[in-house]
Amino acid sequence: MKYLLIFILSHLATYCAIGAVVDARLQGLAEDLRHYPHAPIQAQYFEDVRLHAQHSKIEYCAVLGTLLAALLSLLAWGLS
């Protein structure tokens, strides 16, 4: 049961962390668009990249969450 809890919490933590990083990066890129005369407006930019950003969040969360869960499970097993 503790390993399942470790697995769920590690994936949740990485999803929140990766989500914040990706969203901040998208906001920064959207703000930089105003400096280019032929760039799309922010709403159009977000509409175009929202799906790709969601997929990258899920992929990074799966990889990093699994690694974190494995490390924490190994630590919990070693301490018990």
PDB file of N, CA and C in Angstrom:
ATOM      1  N   MET A   1       0.814  -1.192   0.000  1.00  0.00           N
ATOM      2  CA  MET A   1       0.000   0.000   0.000  1.00  0.00           C
ATOM      3  C   MET A   1       0.863   1.263   0.000  1.00  0.00           C
ATOM      4  N   LYS A   2       1.969   1.213   0.751  1.00  0.00           N
ATOM      5  CA  LYS A   2       2.815   2.405   0.800  1.00  0.00           C
ATOM      6  C   LYS A   2       3.476   2.667  -0.546  1.00  0.00           C
ATOM      7  N   TYR A   3       3.745   1.604  -1.316  1.00  0.00           N
ATOM      8  CA  TYR A   3       4.362   1.793  -2.626  1.00  0.00           C
ATOM      9  C   TYR A   3       3.384   2.413  -3.616  1.00  0.00           C
ATOM     10  N   LEU A   4       2.122   2.054  -3.502  1.00  0.00           N
ATOM     11  CA  LEU A   4       1.105   2.675  -4.347  1.00  0.00           C
ATOM     12  C   LEU A   4       0.964   4.151  -4.007  1.00  0.00           C
ATOM     13  N   LEU A   5       0.995   4.470  -2.738  1.00  0.00           N
ATOM     14  CA  LEU A   5       0.925   5.859  -2.307  1.00  0.00           C
ATOM     15  C   LEU A   5       2.141   6.650  -2.800  1.00  0.00           C
ATOM     16  N   ILE A   6       3.312   6.051  -2.712  1.00  0.00           N
ATOM     17  CA  ILE A   6       4.523   6.691  -3.233  1.00  0.00           C
ATOM     18  C   ILE A   6       4.389   6.935  -4.726  1.00  0.00           C
ATOM     19  N   PHE A   7       3.884   5.947  -5.450  1.00  0.00           N
ATOM     20  CA  PHE A   7       3.717   6.062  -6.897  1.00  0.00           C
ATOM     21  C   PHE A   7       2.763   7.195  -7.259  1.00  0.00           C
ATOM     22  N   ILE A   8       1.626   7.255  -6.608  1.00  0.00           N
ATOM     23  CA  ILE A   8       0.626   8.278  -6.907  1.00  0.00           C
ATOM     24  C   ILE A   8       1.121   9.667  -6.533  1.00  0.00           C
ATOM     25  N   LEU A   9       1.717   9.798  -5.361  1.00  0.00           N
ATOM     26  CA  LEU A   9       2.198  11.111  -4.919  1.00  0.00           C
ATOM     27  C   LEU A   9       3.374  11.615  -5.760  1.00  0.00           C
ATOM     28  N   SER A  10       4.245  10.724  -6.183  1.00  0.00           N
ATOM     29  CA  SER A  10       5.363  11.165  -7.005  1.00  0.00           C
ATOM     30  C   SER A  10       4.890  11.627  -8.379  1.00  0.00           C
ATOM     31  N   HIS A  11       3.924  10.940  -8.953  1.00  0.00           N
ATOM     32  CA  HIS A  11       3.384  11.391 -10.236  1.00  0.00           C
ATOM     33  C   HIS A  11       2.616  12.703 -10.090  1.00  0.00           C
ATOM     34  N   LEU A  12       1.892  12.862  -9.016  1.00  0.00           N
ATOM     35  CA  LEU A  12       1.161  14.098  -8.776  1.00  0.00           C
ATOM     36  C   LEU A  12       2.120  15.269  -8.573  1.00  0.00           C
ATOM     37  N   ALA A  13       3.174  15.048  -7.812  1.00  0.00           N
ATOM     38  CA  ALA A  13       4.148  16.110  -7.570  1.00  0.00           C
ATOM     39  C   ALA A  13       4.866  16.512  -8.852  1.00  0.00           C
ATOM     40  N   THR A  14       5.255  15.538  -9.652  1.00  0.00           N
ATOM     41  CA  THR A  14       5.944  15.883 -10.904  1.00  0.00           C
ATOM     42  C   THR A  14       4.991  16.550 -11.885  1.00  0.00           C
ATOM     43  N   TYR A  15       3.710  16.142 -11.889  1.00  0.00           N
ATOM     44  CA  TYR A  15       2.769  16.794 -12.800  1.00  0.00           C
ATOM     45  C   TYR A  15       2.583  18.264 -12.430  1.00  0.00           C
ATOM     46  N   CYS A  16       2.495  18.541 -11.142  1.00  0.00           N
ATOM     47  CA  CYS A  16       2.351  19.932 -10.705  1.00  0.00           C
ATOM     48  C   CYS A  16       3.603  20.746 -11.022  1.00  0.00           C
ATOM     49  N   ALA A  17       4.763  20.173 -10.769  1.00  0.00           N
ATOM     50  CA  ALA A  17       6.018  20.890 -11.018  1.00  0.00           C
ATOM     51  C   ALA A  17       6.248  21.106 -12.512  1.00  0.00           C
ATOM     52  N   ILE A  18       6.079  20.060 -13.287  1.00  0.00           N
ATOM     53  CA  ILE A  18       6.287  20.171 -14.738  1.00  0.00           C
ATOM     54  C   ILE A  18       5.235  21.083 -15.347  1.00  0.00           C
ATOM     55  N   GLY A  19       4.001  21.001 -14.865  1.00  0.00           N
ATOM     56  CA  GLY A  19       2.944  21.871 -15.366  1.00  0.00           C
ATOM     57  C   GLY A  19       3.253  23.336 -15.131  1.00  0.00           C
ATOM     58  N   ALA A  20       3.776  23.650 -13.965  1.00  0.00           N
ATOM     59  CA  ALA A  20       4.134  25.043 -13.672  1.00  0.00           C
ATOM     60  C   ALA A  20       5.269  25.527 -14.563  1.00  0.00           C
ATOM     61  N   VAL A  21       6.251  24.684 -14.790  1.00  0.00           N
ATOM     62  CA  VAL A  21       7.390  25.063 -15.641  1.00  0.00           C
ATOM     63  C   VAL A  21       6.951  25.266 -17.085  1.00  0.00           C
ATOM     64  N   VAL A  22       6.165  24.340 -17.612  1.00  0.00           N
ATOM     65  CA  VAL A  22       5.716  24.442 -19.009  1.00  0.00           C
ATOM     66  C   VAL A  22       4.798  25.649 -19.191  1.00  0.00           C
ATOM     67  N   ASP A  23       3.887  25.876 -18.251  1.00  0.00           N
ATOM     68  CA  ASP A  23       2.987  27.022 -18.355  1.00  0.00           C
ATOM     69  C   ASP A  23       3.740  28.346 -18.271  1.00  0.00           C
ATOM     70  N   ALA A  24       4.731  28.413 -17.402  1.00  0.00           N
ATOM     71  CA  ALA A  24       5.531  29.635 -17.297  1.00  0.00           C
ATOM     72  C   ALA A  24       6.322  29.878 -18.583  1.00  0.00           C
ATOM     73  N   ARG A  25       6.832  28.815 -19.145  1.00  0.00           N
ATOM     74  CA  ARG A  25       7.592  28.945 -20.402  1.00  0.00           C
ATOM     75  C   ARG A  25       6.673  29.407 -21.538  1.00  0.00           C
ATOM     76  N   LEU A  26       5.475  28.874 -21.591  1.00  0.00           N
ATOM     77  CA  LEU A  26       4.520  29.296 -22.628  1.00  0.00           C
ATOM     78  C   LEU A  26       4.127  30.760 -22.455  1.00  0.00           C
ATOM     79  N   GLN A  27       3.922  31.181 -21.216  1.00  0.00           N
ATOM     80  CA  GLN A  27       3.591  32.584 -20.954  1.00  0.00           C
ATOM     81  C   GLN A  27       4.735  33.496 -21.399  1.00  0.00           C
ATOM     82  N   GLY A  28       5.965  33.087 -21.096  1.00  0.00           N
ATOM     83  CA  GLY A  28       7.120  33.875 -21.506  1.00  0.00           C
ATOM     84  C   GLY A  28       7.236  33.975 -23.015  1.00  0.00           C
ATOM     85  N   LEU A  29       7.003  32.885 -23.689  1.00  0.00           N
ATOM     86  CA  LEU A  29       7.050  32.906 -25.158  1.00  0.00           C
ATOM     87  C   LEU A  29       5.941  33.766 -25.735  1.00  0.00           C
ATOM     88  N   ALA A  30       4.758  33.680 -25.141  1.00  0.00           N
ATOM     89  CA  ALA A  30       3.640  34.481 -25.630  1.00  0.00           C
ATOM     90  C   ALA A  30       3.893  35.972 -25.409  1.00  0.00           C
ATOM     91  N   GLU A  31       4.505  36.320 -24.301  1.00  0.00           N
ATOM     92  CA  GLU A  31       4.832  37.727 -24.052  1.00  0.00           C
ATOM     93  C   GLU A  31       5.886  38.230 -25.033  1.00  0.00           C
ATOM     94  N   ASP A  32       6.800  37.370 -25.422  1.00  0.00           N
ATOM     95  CA  ASP A  32       7.835  37.765 -26.380  1.00  0.00           C
ATOM     96  C   ASP A  32       7.296  37.942 -27.791  1.00  0.00           C
ATOM     97  N   LEU A  33       6.124  37.402 -28.067  1.00  0.00           N
ATOM     98  CA  LEU A  33       5.551  37.520 -29.411  1.00  0.00           C
ATOM     99  C   LEU A  33       5.208  38.959 -29.774  1.00  0.00           C
ATOM    100  N   ARG A  34       4.972  39.788 -28.800  1.00  0.00           N
ATOM    101  CA  ARG A  34       4.564  41.164 -29.099  1.00  0.00           C
ATOM    102  C   ARG A  34       5.703  41.988 -29.695  1.00  0.00           C
ATOM    103  N   HIS A  35       6.926  41.481 -29.628  1.00  0.00           N
ATOM    104  CA  HIS A  35       8.069  42.199 -30.181  1.00  0.00           C
ATOM    105  C   HIS A  35       8.255  41.930 -31.676  1.00  0.00           C
ATOM    106  N   TYR A  36       7.538  40.954 -32.195  1.00  0.00           N
ATOM    107  CA  TYR A  36       7.668  40.597 -33.605  1.00  0.00           C
ATOM    108  C   TYR A  36       6.426  41.057 -34.364  1.00  0.00           C
ATOM    109  N   PRO A  37       6.612  41.796 -35.452  1.00  0.00           N
ATOM    110  CA  PRO A  37       5.452  42.370 -36.143  1.00  0.00           C
ATOM    111  C   PRO A  37       4.551  41.339 -36.828  1.00  0.00           C
ATOM    112  N   HIS A  38       5.101  40.241 -37.293  1.00  0.00           N
ATOM    113  CA  HIS A  38       4.300  39.259 -38.037  1.00  0.00           C
ATOM    114  C   HIS A  38       3.935  38.043 -37.194  1.00  0.00           C
ATOM    115  N   ALA A  39       4.100  38.137 -35.907  1.00  0.00           N
ATOM    116  CA  ALA A  39       3.788  37.025 -35.014  1.00  0.00           C
ATOM    117  C   ALA A  39       2.276  36.946 -34.788  1.00  0.00           C
ATOM    118  N   PRO A  40       1.777  35.747 -34.495  1.00  0.00           N
ATOM    119  CA  PRO A  40       0.339  35.617 -34.194  1.00  0.00           C
ATOM    120  C   PRO A  40       0.021  36.256 -32.852  1.00  0.00           C
ATOM    121  N   ILE A  41      -1.249  36.552 -32.641  1.00  0.00           N
ATOM    122  CA  ILE A  41      -1.663  37.104 -31.351  1.00  0.00           C
ATOM    123  C   ILE A  41      -1.561  36.002 -30.291  1.00  0.00           C
ATOM    124  N   GLN A  42      -1.576  36.402 -29.020  1.00  0.00           N
ATOM    125  CA  GLN A  42      -1.365  35.437 -27.937  1.00  0.00           C
ATOM    126  C   GLN A  42      -2.424  34.343 -27.908  1.00  0.00           C
ATOM    127  N   ALA A  43      -3.660  34.712 -28.121  1.00  0.00           N
ATOM    128  CA  ALA A  43      -4.735  33.712 -28.077  1.00  0.00           C
ATOM    129  C   ALA A  43      -4.562  32.675 -29.186  1.00  0.00           C
ATOM    130  N   GLN A  44      -4.178  33.118 -30.356  1.00  0.00           N
ATOM    131  CA  GLN A  44      -3.958  32.196 -31.471  1.00  0.00           C
ATOM    132  C   GLN A  44      -2.744  31.305 -31.188  1.00  0.00           C
ATOM    133  N   TYR A  45      -1.706  31.873 -30.591  1.00  0.00           N
ATOM    134  CA  TYR A  45      -0.517  31.096 -30.246  1.00  0.00           C
ATOM    135  C   TYR A  45      -0.863  30.008 -29.243  1.00  0.00           C
ATOM    136  N   PHE A  46      -1.616  30.360 -28.191  1.00  0.00           N
ATOM    137  CA  PHE A  46      -1.992  29.372 -27.184  1.00  0.00           C
ATOM    138  C   PHE A  46      -2.890  28.290 -27.779  1.00  0.00           C
ATOM    139  N   GLU A  47      -3.744  28.672 -28.693  1.00  0.00           N
ATOM    140  CA  GLU A  47      -4.617  27.696 -29.333  1.00  0.00           C
ATOM    141  C   GLU A  47      -3.803  26.700 -30.151  1.00  0.00           C
ATOM    142  N   ASP A  48      -2.741  27.198 -30.789  1.00  0.00           N
ATOM    143  CA  ASP A  48      -1.911  26.331 -31.625  1.00  0.00           C
ATOM    144  C   ASP A  48      -1.032  25.382 -30.822  1.00  0.00           C
ATOM    145  N   VAL A  49      -0.524  25.811 -29.692  1.00  0.00           N
ATOM    146  CA  VAL A  49       0.447  24.994 -28.953  1.00  0.00           C
ATOM    147  C   VAL A  49      -0.117  24.330 -27.700  1.00  0.00           C
ATOM    148  N   ARG A  50      -1.374  24.571 -27.367  1.00  0.00           N
ATOM    149  CA  ARG A  50      -1.950  24.019 -26.133  1.00  0.00           C
ATOM    150  C   ARG A  50      -1.927  22.490 -26.119  1.00  0.00           C
ATOM    151  N   LEU A  51      -2.292  21.862 -27.210  1.00  0.00           N
ATOM    152  CA  LEU A  51      -2.326  20.407 -27.269  1.00  0.00           C
ATOM    153  C   LEU A  51      -0.919  19.817 -27.155  1.00  0.00           C
ATOM    154  N   HIS A  52       0.044  20.436 -27.824  1.00  0.00           N
ATOM    155  CA  HIS A  52       1.421  19.951 -27.749  1.00  0.00           C
ATOM    156  C   HIS A  52       1.994  20.123 -26.338  1.00  0.00           C
ATOM    157  N   ALA A  53       1.647  21.215 -25.705  1.00  0.00           N
ATOM    158  CA  ALA A  53       2.113  21.444 -24.339  1.00  0.00           C
ATOM    159  C   ALA A  53       1.510  20.421 -23.387  1.00  0.00           C
ATOM    160  N   GLN A  54       0.256  20.069 -23.572  1.00  0.00           N
ATOM    161  CA  GLN A  54      -0.394  19.075 -22.721  1.00  0.00           C
ATOM    162  C   GLN A  54       0.265  17.712 -22.898  1.00  0.00           C
ATOM    163  N   HIS A  55       0.585  17.342 -24.142  1.00  0.00           N
ATOM    164  CA  HIS A  55       1.253  16.070 -24.383  1.00  0.00           C
ATOM    165  C   HIS A  55       2.641  16.035 -23.756  1.00  0.00           C
ATOM    166  N   SER A  56       3.358  17.140 -23.844  1.00  0.00           N
ATOM    167  CA  SER A  56       4.701  17.156 -23.260  1.00  0.00           C
ATOM    168  C   SER A  56       4.631  17.094 -21.741  1.00  0.00           C
ATOM    169  N   LYS A  57       3.628  17.730 -21.126  1.00  0.00           N
ATOM    170  CA  LYS A  57       3.454  17.624 -19.672  1.00  0.00           C
ATOM    171  C   LYS A  57       3.238  16.177 -19.264  1.00  0.00           C
ATOM    172  N   ILE A  58       2.390  15.478 -19.996  1.00  0.00           N
ATOM    173  CA  ILE A  58       2.077  14.088 -19.663  1.00  0.00           C
ATOM    174  C   ILE A  58       3.296  13.197 -19.846  1.00  0.00           C
ATOM    175  N   GLU A  59       4.051  13.400 -20.939  1.00  0.00           N
ATOM    176  CA  GLU A  59       5.232  12.578 -21.187  1.00  0.00           C
ATOM    177  C   GLU A  59       6.302  12.809 -20.129  1.00  0.00           C
ATOM    178  N   TYR A  60       6.588  14.064 -19.821  1.00  0.00           N
ATOM    179  CA  TYR A  60       7.599  14.362 -18.810  1.00  0.00           C
ATOM    180  C   TYR A  60       7.157  13.871 -17.438  1.00  0.00           C
ATOM    181  N   CYS A  61       5.884  14.005 -17.146  1.00  0.00           N
ATOM    182  CA  CYS A  61       5.366  13.531 -15.858  1.00  0.00           C
ATOM    183  C   CYS A  61       5.510  12.019 -15.753  1.00  0.00           C
ATOM    184  N   ALA A  62       5.234  11.300 -16.816  1.00  0.00           N
ATOM    185  CA  ALA A  62       5.346   9.842 -16.787  1.00  0.00           C
ATOM    186  C   ALA A  62       6.786   9.407 -16.536  1.00  0.00           C
ATOM    187  N   VAL A  63       7.716  10.039 -17.220  1.00  0.00           N
ATOM    188  CA  VAL A  63       9.119   9.646 -17.069  1.00  0.00           C
ATOM    189  C   VAL A  63       9.661  10.047 -15.703  1.00  0.00           C
ATOM    190  N   LEU A  64       9.527  11.317 -15.356  1.00  0.00           N
ATOM    191  CA  LEU A  64      10.085  11.794 -14.086  1.00  0.00           C
ATOM    192  C   LEU A  64       9.341  11.237 -12.884  1.00  0.00           C
ATOM    193  N   GLY A  65       8.039  11.080 -12.999  1.00  0.00           N
ATOM    194  CA  GLY A  65       7.268  10.498 -11.895  1.00  0.00           C
ATOM    195  C   GLY A  65       7.651   9.060 -11.639  1.00  0.00           C
ATOM    196  N   THR A  66       7.898   8.304 -12.691  1.00  0.00           N
ATOM    197  CA  THR A  66       8.316   6.917 -12.530  1.00  0.00           C
ATOM    198  C   THR A  66       9.703   6.835 -11.905  1.00  0.00           C
ATOM    199  N   LEU A  67      10.613   7.701 -12.353  1.00  0.00           N
ATOM    200  CA  LEU A  67      11.947   7.715 -11.761  1.00  0.00           C
ATOM    201  C   LEU A  67      11.901   8.101 -10.283  1.00  0.00           C
ATOM    202  N   LEU A  68      11.128   9.114  -9.964  1.00  0.00           N
ATOM    203  CA  LEU A  68      10.998   9.536  -8.573  1.00  0.00           C
ATOM    204  C   LEU A  68      10.351   8.445  -7.728  1.00  0.00           C
ATOM    205  N   ALA A  69       9.329   7.794  -8.261  1.00  0.00           N
ATOM    206  CA  ALA A  69       8.667   6.716  -7.529  1.00  0.00           C
ATOM    207  C   ALA A  69       9.623   5.552  -7.302  1.00  0.00           C
ATOM    208  N   ALA A  70      10.435   5.234  -8.301  1.00  0.00           N
ATOM    209  CA  ALA A  70      11.399   4.138  -8.141  1.00  0.00           C
ATOM    210  C   ALA A  70      12.433   4.475  -7.075  1.00  0.00           C
ATOM    211  N   LEU A  71      12.931   5.694  -7.095  1.00  0.00           N
ATOM    212  CA  LEU A  71      13.920   6.093  -6.096  1.00  0.00           C
ATOM    213  C   LEU A  71      13.330   6.108  -4.685  1.00  0.00           C
ATOM    214  N   LEU A  72      12.134   6.661  -4.552  1.00  0.00           N
ATOM    215  CA  LEU A  72      11.498   6.697  -3.232  1.00  0.00           C
ATOM    216  C   LEU A  72      11.114   5.302  -2.739  1.00  0.00           C
ATOM    217  N   SER A  73      10.683   4.442  -3.643  1.00  0.00           N
ATOM    218  CA  SER A  73      10.345   3.071  -3.259  1.00  0.00           C
ATOM    219  C   SER A  73      11.593   2.310  -2.837  1.00  0.00           C
ATOM    220  N   LEU A  74      12.681   2.531  -3.536  1.00  0.00           N
ATOM    221  CA  LEU A  74      13.936   1.892  -3.159  1.00  0.00           C
ATOM    222  C   LEU A  74      14.409   2.387  -1.805  1.00  0.00           C
ATOM    223  N   LEU A  75      14.245   3.668  -1.565  1.00  0.00           N
ATOM    224  CA  LEU A  75      14.611   4.239  -0.267  1.00  0.00           C
ATOM    225  C   LEU A  75      13.718   3.680   0.841  1.00  0.00           C
ATOM    226  N   ALA A  76      12.416   3.593   0.591  1.00  0.00           N
ATOM    227  CA  ALA A  76      11.490   3.051   1.593  1.00  0.00           C
ATOM    228  C   ALA A  76      11.781   1.574   1.861  1.00  0.00           C
ATOM    229  N   TRP A  77      12.107   0.826   0.836  1.00  0.00           N
ATOM    230  CA  TRP A  77      12.432  -0.576   1.003  1.00  0.00           C
ATOM    231  C   TRP A  77      13.739  -0.738   1.794  1.00  0.00           C
ATOM    232  N   GLY A  78      14.718   0.127   1.487  1.00  0.00           N
ATOM    233  CA  GLY A  78      15.988   0.062   2.183  1.00  0.00           C
ATOM    234  C   GLY A  78      15.892   0.433   3.643  1.00  0.00           C
ATOM    235  N   LEU A  79      14.997   1.346   3.975  1.00  0.00           N
ATOM    236  CA  LEU A  79      14.856   1.780   5.365  1.00  0.00           C
ATOM    237  C   LEU A  79      13.992   0.835   6.209  1.00  0.00           C
ATOM    238  N   SER A  80      13.211   0.004   5.538  1.00  0.00           N
ATOM    239  CA  SER A  80      12.320  -0.881   6.314  1.00  0.00           C
ATOM    240  C   SER A  80      12.942  -2.248   6.553  1.00  0.00           C
TER     241      SER A  80
END
